[in-house]
Amino acid sequence: MKGTKKSIHKKTIFNVINIQNNKIKKYYFLIIGLPIVFWAFAFPLIKIGLNELHPINLTILRMFIACLSFLLIIIFKPIKITKLNIKDIPNLFFLGFFGVICYHFALNYGEQYISAGVASLIITTIPIFIVVLAFIFLSEKITFNLFLGILLSLIGIIIISLFGNTDINLEIRYILAAGAVLFAAFFGAFYTVVGKKLLKKYSPLSLTIYAILLGSLGMIPFINTSLFEEITKLSWIGWLAVIFLAIFPTVISYVLWYVALDFKPASELGIYLYLMPILSTILSFFLLSEKITILFIFGGFLIILGLVIVNKKPIKIRKK
């Protein structure tokens, strides 16, 4: 009888897992598409937020609202949360602090001096960092299609970066700002690759909640009186930008990203980020009047072509 009960229990677990996997497969492009769209909106909205808030204060306010949202989820428990293992707290703190908080600190600083479109282009180097880190730490396979797709997309990014925007001015301030955003890209890759390992212990929602709540503790030393002064003067447009940044590109997008990451390799998933600068630049054109050139369109075509190649059946050129 015990053997029968165990077999029935195993079958039930496998059935639940299969149902979940089928749902993820069915809605996969929606699951990965929404974060890309929300993150594309984030670049021009950060620019709007920076009109009224210091880069650090924008990060703190955005994360404060996101943390409140996660605390409400924990309190009301609409979805089951994986129990926190005390031993994982240091890893979760570093994941959240470097992968989320430092990412936004660096990105916000950079967007003070460079356009939203250019910032989104630099951030798309995340897949390159992901491939390298995933190969080193996760032993993920490198395929011919993945390599070719990244190469074509990278060429597209170079074309857009150098010739797709007529407002680029290579001053020291611009270079430092671009360097800060490049650091943000590395932190973004770190969040994806390190988080992939922790997904073996935690559900995507649980991992996102613990990482951001614990990582946000690292912002406490940066809180000062200027934060409260800027909050009291914040316009309704500024509040709208901050609230949108907190809920959609942060709470919803980070959770969906880990849902997709739990289903696909980190290196393959990262390639979808190449769509972000195309959407972000189009949005920046309408929201911030940033210019779009013919070469930007051509570079965007190469990026999409790279995505198409990556999604074809890969030809393996390297084994574990």
Protein backbone atom coordinates (compact mmCIF):
# COMPACT_ATOMS: atom_id res chain seq x y z
CA MET A 1 0.00 0.00 0.00
CA LYS A 2 2.82 2.39 0.88
CA GLY A 3 4.51 1.78 -2.46
CA THR A 4 1.23 2.42 -4.24
CA LYS A 5 0.68 5.69 -2.34
CA LYS A 6 4.21 6.87 -3.16
CA SER A 7 3.79 6.09 -6.86
CA ILE A 8 0.44 7.92 -6.91
CA HIS A 9 2.06 10.91 -5.14
CA LYS A 10 4.92 10.98 -7.67
CA LYS A 11 2.48 10.81 -10.57
CA THR A 12 0.53 13.73 -9.07
CA ILE A 13 3.70 15.82 -8.73
CA PHE A 14 4.76 15.04 -12.29
CA ASN A 15 1.28 15.91 -13.56
CA VAL A 16 1.40 19.29 -11.81
CA ILE A 17 4.89 19.99 -13.20
CA ASN A 18 3.78 19.02 -16.71
CA ILE A 19 0.73 21.29 -16.48
CA GLN A 20 2.92 24.21 -15.33
CA ASN A 21 5.47 23.57 -18.10
CA ASN A 22 2.73 23.42 -20.72
CA LYS A 23 1.33 26.74 -19.51
CA ILE A 24 4.78 28.34 -19.65
CA LYS A 25 5.31 26.98 -23.18
CA LYS A 26 1.92 28.30 -24.27
CA TYR A 27 2.47 31.79 -22.88
CA TYR A 28 6.27 31.89 -23.18
CA PHE A 29 6.47 34.81 -25.61
CA LEU A 30 4.05 36.77 -23.43
CA ILE A 31 6.08 35.95 -20.31
CA ILE A 32 9.32 37.12 -21.90
CA GLY A 33 7.71 39.85 -24.00
CA LEU A 34 6.13 41.85 -21.17
CA PRO A 35 9.42 42.46 -19.28
CA ILE A 36 11.10 43.60 -22.52
CA VAL A 37 8.27 46.06 -23.23
CA PHE A 38 8.16 47.36 -19.65
CA TRP A 39 11.95 47.72 -19.50
CA ALA A 40 11.85 49.58 -22.83
CA PHE A 41 9.39 52.05 -21.27
CA ALA A 42 11.72 52.40 -18.27
CA PHE A 43 14.49 54.27 -20.15
CA PRO A 44 12.45 57.33 -21.19
CA LEU A 45 10.56 57.27 -17.87
CA ILE A 46 13.86 57.30 -15.95
CA LYS A 47 14.79 60.37 -17.98
CA ILE A 48 11.50 62.00 -16.94
CA GLY A 49 12.04 61.04 -13.29
CA LEU A 50 15.55 62.49 -13.32
CA ASN A 51 14.10 65.91 -14.15
CA GLU A 52 12.87 66.09 -10.54
CA LEU A 53 14.87 63.49 -8.60
CA HIS A 54 18.57 62.83 -7.95
CA PRO A 55 19.68 59.46 -9.45
CA ILE A 56 20.10 57.90 -5.99
CA ASN A 57 16.79 59.30 -4.73
CA LEU A 58 14.98 58.00 -7.82
CA THR A 59 16.36 54.52 -7.10
CA ILE A 60 15.41 54.67 -3.42
CA LEU A 61 11.85 55.85 -4.09
CA ARG A 62 11.34 53.31 -6.88
CA MET A 63 12.59 50.43 -4.74
CA PHE A 64 10.62 51.60 -1.70
CA ILE A 65 7.36 51.32 -3.66
CA ALA A 66 8.45 47.95 -5.09
CA CYS A 67 9.29 46.65 -1.59
CA LEU A 68 5.88 47.76 -0.31
CA SER A 69 4.26 45.78 -3.13
CA PHE A 70 6.28 42.66 -2.25
CA LEU A 71 5.47 43.02 1.47
CA LEU A 72 1.76 43.12 0.62
CA ILE A 73 2.21 39.89 -1.34
CA ILE A 74 3.91 38.26 1.67
CA ILE A 75 1.23 39.49 4.10
CA PHE A 76 -1.84 38.51 2.06
CA LYS A 77 -0.17 35.48 0.41
CA PRO A 78 -2.18 35.29 -2.82
CA ILE A 79 0.56 32.92 -4.05
CA LYS A 80 2.61 30.47 -1.99
CA ILE A 81 6.08 31.80 -1.14
CA THR A 82 9.07 29.46 -0.79
CA LYS A 83 10.38 29.41 2.77
CA LEU A 84 13.53 31.47 3.24
CA ASN A 85 16.66 29.50 4.16
CA ILE A 86 18.72 31.56 6.64
CA LYS A 87 21.96 30.32 5.05
CA ASP A 88 20.94 31.91 1.72
CA ILE A 89 20.49 35.43 3.15
CA PRO A 90 24.04 36.65 2.25
CA ASN A 91 23.70 35.34 -1.32
CA LEU A 92 20.23 36.85 -1.68
CA PHE A 93 21.47 40.19 -0.33
CA PHE A 94 24.36 40.35 -2.80
CA LEU A 95 22.08 39.23 -5.64
CA GLY A 96 19.58 41.99 -4.89
CA PHE A 97 22.08 44.71 -4.01
CA PHE A 98 24.41 44.28 -6.98
CA GLY A 99 21.95 42.84 -9.49
CA VAL A 100 19.13 45.31 -8.82
CA ILE A 101 20.14 48.27 -6.64
CA CYS A 102 23.61 48.90 -8.14
CA TYR A 103 22.14 48.29 -11.60
CA HIS A 104 19.65 51.12 -11.08
CA PHE A 105 22.16 53.43 -9.37
CA ALA A 106 24.51 53.14 -12.35
CA LEU A 107 21.78 53.37 -14.98
CA ASN A 108 20.18 56.45 -13.39
CA TYR A 109 23.55 58.17 -13.13
CA GLY A 110 24.29 57.46 -16.79
CA GLU A 111 20.94 58.73 -18.03
CA GLN A 112 21.68 62.15 -16.57
CA TYR A 113 24.08 62.79 -19.45
CA ILE A 114 23.18 60.39 -22.27
CA SER A 115 19.91 59.88 -24.10
CA ALA A 116 17.44 57.16 -23.15
CA GLY A 117 17.98 55.51 -26.55
CA VAL A 118 21.75 55.34 -26.15
CA ALA A 119 21.41 54.01 -22.59
CA SER A 120 19.10 51.24 -23.79
CA LEU A 121 21.65 50.32 -26.47
CA ILE A 122 24.49 50.01 -23.99
CA ILE A 123 22.32 47.91 -21.67
CA THR A 124 21.89 45.39 -24.48
CA THR A 125 25.46 44.26 -23.85
CA ILE A 126 23.89 42.26 -20.99
CA PRO A 127 23.52 39.12 -23.19
CA ILE A 128 27.24 39.18 -23.93
CA PHE A 129 28.06 39.29 -20.22
CA ILE A 130 25.41 36.60 -19.61
CA VAL A 131 26.94 34.22 -22.18
CA VAL A 132 30.41 34.61 -20.63
CA LEU A 133 29.20 34.29 -17.02
CA ALA A 134 26.79 31.43 -17.82
CA PHE A 135 29.59 29.55 -19.59
CA ILE A 136 31.92 30.03 -16.60
CA PHE A 137 29.52 29.49 -13.70
CA LEU A 138 26.61 27.48 -15.15
CA SER A 139 28.49 25.36 -17.73
CA GLU A 140 25.88 26.28 -20.34
CA LYS A 141 26.55 25.19 -23.91
CA ILE A 142 27.58 27.62 -26.61
CA THR A 143 25.89 26.87 -29.94
CA PHE A 144 26.61 28.05 -33.47
CA ASN A 145 23.18 29.71 -33.76
CA LEU A 146 23.68 31.49 -30.43
CA PHE A 147 27.12 32.73 -31.47
CA LEU A 148 25.92 33.90 -34.91
CA GLY A 149 22.80 35.54 -33.45
CA ILE A 150 24.83 37.48 -30.87
CA LEU A 151 27.34 38.54 -33.54
CA LEU A 152 24.67 39.91 -35.89
CA SER A 153 22.84 41.62 -33.05
CA LEU A 154 26.10 43.11 -31.75
CA ILE A 155 26.87 44.54 -35.22
CA GLY A 156 23.39 46.04 -35.24
CA ILE A 157 24.02 47.64 -31.83
CA ILE A 158 27.36 49.13 -32.99
CA ILE A 159 25.67 50.62 -36.07
CA ILE A 160 22.90 52.13 -33.95
CA SER A 161 25.35 53.39 -31.32
CA LEU A 162 27.68 55.14 -33.77
CA PHE A 163 25.32 56.25 -36.52
CA GLY A 164 21.75 55.77 -35.31
CA ASN A 165 21.55 58.88 -33.15
CA THR A 166 22.59 62.34 -34.40
CA ASP A 167 22.81 63.81 -30.89
CA ILE A 168 25.81 61.78 -29.66
CA ASN A 169 28.61 64.03 -28.33
CA LEU A 170 31.76 62.23 -27.16
CA GLU A 171 32.67 64.44 -24.19
CA ILE A 172 34.32 63.12 -20.98
CA ARG A 173 30.99 63.39 -19.17
CA TYR A 174 29.31 61.36 -21.91
CA ILE A 175 32.03 58.67 -21.76
CA LEU A 176 31.79 58.40 -17.96
CA ALA A 177 28.01 58.16 -18.19
CA ALA A 178 28.26 55.48 -20.88
CA GLY A 179 30.76 53.62 -18.68
CA ALA A 180 28.32 53.73 -15.75
CA VAL A 181 25.59 52.21 -17.91
CA LEU A 182 28.03 49.53 -19.07
CA PHE A 183 28.61 48.66 -15.39
CA ALA A 184 24.83 48.47 -15.05
CA ALA A 185 24.79 45.94 -17.89
CA PHE A 186 27.30 43.78 -16.04
CA PHE A 187 25.19 43.96 -12.87
CA GLY A 188 22.15 42.94 -14.93
CA ALA A 189 23.99 39.90 -16.24
CA PHE A 190 25.13 39.07 -12.71
CA TYR A 191 21.49 39.12 -11.56
CA THR A 192 20.47 36.70 -14.30
CA VAL A 193 23.32 34.19 -13.94
CA VAL A 194 23.53 34.09 -10.13
CA GLY A 195 19.75 34.02 -9.88
CA LYS A 196 19.65 30.99 -12.19
CA LYS A 197 21.43 28.91 -9.53
CA LEU A 198 19.12 30.07 -6.75
CA LEU A 199 16.06 29.12 -8.81
CA LYS A 200 16.85 25.52 -7.87
CA LYS A 201 15.79 26.40 -4.31
CA TYR A 202 13.21 29.16 -4.77
CA SER A 203 10.24 29.89 -7.00
CA PRO A 204 10.68 32.88 -9.39
CA LEU A 205 8.36 35.07 -7.30
CA SER A 206 10.02 34.08 -4.00
CA LEU A 207 13.52 34.67 -5.33
CA THR A 208 12.57 38.11 -6.68
CA ILE A 209 10.93 39.12 -3.40
CA TYR A 210 13.81 37.98 -1.17
CA ALA A 211 16.52 39.44 -3.44
CA ILE A 212 14.93 42.88 -3.75
CA LEU A 213 13.80 43.14 -0.11
CA LEU A 214 17.21 42.11 1.25
CA GLY A 215 19.20 43.98 -1.40
CA SER A 216 17.25 47.19 -0.75
CA LEU A 217 18.66 47.25 2.79
CA GLY A 218 21.89 48.37 1.15
CA MET A 219 20.21 51.67 0.21
CA ILE A 220 19.72 52.75 3.83
CA PRO A 221 23.13 54.53 4.11
CA PHE A 222 22.23 56.63 1.04
CA ILE A 223 19.01 58.08 2.51
CA ASN A 224 19.33 61.80 3.34
CA THR A 225 17.23 64.94 3.70
CA SER A 226 17.35 65.69 -0.04
CA LEU A 227 15.16 62.64 -0.65
CA PHE A 228 12.33 64.04 1.48
CA GLU A 229 12.76 67.53 0.02
CA GLU A 230 12.46 66.20 -3.54
CA ILE A 231 9.48 64.00 -2.68
CA THR A 232 7.51 67.00 -1.33
CA LYS A 233 8.12 68.88 -4.61
CA LEU A 234 7.45 65.91 -6.93
CA SER A 235 4.86 66.67 -9.62
CA TRP A 236 2.09 64.27 -10.64
CA ILE A 237 4.09 63.43 -13.78
CA GLY A 238 7.08 62.57 -11.62
CA TRP A 239 4.94 60.39 -9.33
CA LEU A 240 3.39 58.66 -12.33
CA ALA A 241 6.84 57.89 -13.75
CA VAL A 242 8.16 56.55 -10.40
CA ILE A 243 5.08 54.41 -9.69
CA PHE A 244 5.15 52.92 -13.19
CA LEU A 245 8.89 52.20 -12.82
CA ALA A 246 8.30 50.50 -9.47
CA ILE A 247 5.35 48.31 -10.47
CA PHE A 248 5.83 47.32 -14.10
CA PRO A 249 9.59 47.27 -14.94
CA THR A 250 10.46 46.19 -11.36
CA VAL A 251 7.83 44.07 -9.58
CA ILE A 252 6.16 42.45 -12.59
CA SER A 253 9.14 42.29 -14.94
CA TYR A 254 11.68 40.86 -12.51
CA VAL A 255 9.25 38.09 -11.50
CA LEU A 256 8.40 37.20 -15.12
CA TRP A 257 12.10 37.26 -16.04
CA TYR A 258 12.85 34.58 -13.45
CA VAL A 259 9.82 32.56 -14.59
CA ALA A 260 11.31 32.52 -18.10
CA LEU A 261 14.81 31.90 -16.72
CA ASP A 262 13.53 28.85 -14.85
CA PHE A 263 12.46 27.44 -18.23
CA LYS A 264 15.24 28.55 -20.61
CA PRO A 265 19.07 28.79 -20.40
CA ALA A 266 20.39 32.19 -19.26
CA SER A 267 22.48 32.68 -22.41
CA GLU A 268 19.52 32.01 -24.72
CA LEU A 269 17.13 34.15 -22.73
CA GLY A 270 19.49 37.13 -22.69
CA ILE A 271 19.33 37.50 -26.46
CA TYR A 272 15.76 38.81 -26.19
CA LEU A 273 17.14 41.92 -24.50
CA TYR A 274 18.34 43.04 -27.94
CA LEU A 275 14.75 44.01 -28.74
CA MET A 276 14.76 46.52 -25.89
CA PRO A 277 16.72 49.38 -27.55
CA ILE A 278 14.49 49.27 -30.62
CA LEU A 279 11.34 49.69 -28.55
CA SER A 280 12.98 52.14 -26.17
CA THR A 281 14.24 54.41 -28.95
CA ILE A 282 10.83 54.44 -30.62
CA LEU A 283 9.22 55.33 -27.27
CA SER A 284 11.88 57.99 -26.64
CA PHE A 285 11.08 59.48 -30.05
CA PHE A 286 7.46 60.04 -29.01
CA LEU A 287 7.98 60.86 -25.32
CA LEU A 288 11.28 62.79 -25.44
CA SER A 289 11.57 63.77 -29.14
CA GLU A 290 14.83 61.81 -29.54
CA LYS A 291 15.74 61.33 -33.20
CA ILE A 292 15.68 58.12 -35.27
CA THR A 293 17.82 57.64 -38.41
CA ILE A 294 17.81 55.21 -41.34
CA LEU A 295 20.89 53.50 -39.93
CA PHE A 296 19.03 52.97 -36.68
CA ILE A 297 16.36 51.07 -38.64
CA PHE A 298 19.04 49.00 -40.41
CA GLY A 299 20.75 48.19 -37.10
CA GLY A 300 17.38 47.20 -35.66
CA PHE A 301 16.87 44.81 -38.59
CA LEU A 302 20.17 43.07 -37.79
CA ILE A 303 19.16 42.75 -34.13
CA ILE A 304 15.87 41.10 -35.05
CA LEU A 305 17.64 38.82 -37.55
CA GLY A 306 19.94 37.71 -34.75
CA LEU A 307 16.92 36.87 -32.60
CA VAL A 308 15.38 34.80 -35.40
CA ILE A 309 18.61 32.80 -35.84
CA VAL A 310 18.92 32.14 -32.11
CA ASN A 311 15.39 30.72 -32.01
CA LYS A 312 16.14 28.17 -34.74
CA LYS A 313 17.26 24.67 -33.77
CA PRO A 314 20.88 25.14 -32.62
CA ILE A 315 23.94 23.37 -33.99
CA LYS A 316 26.19 22.53 -31.04
CA ILE A 317 29.83 23.40 -31.42
CA ARG A 318 30.90 22.96 -27.80
CA LYS A 319 30.05 20.39 -25.20
CA LYS A 320 30.13 20.48 -21.43
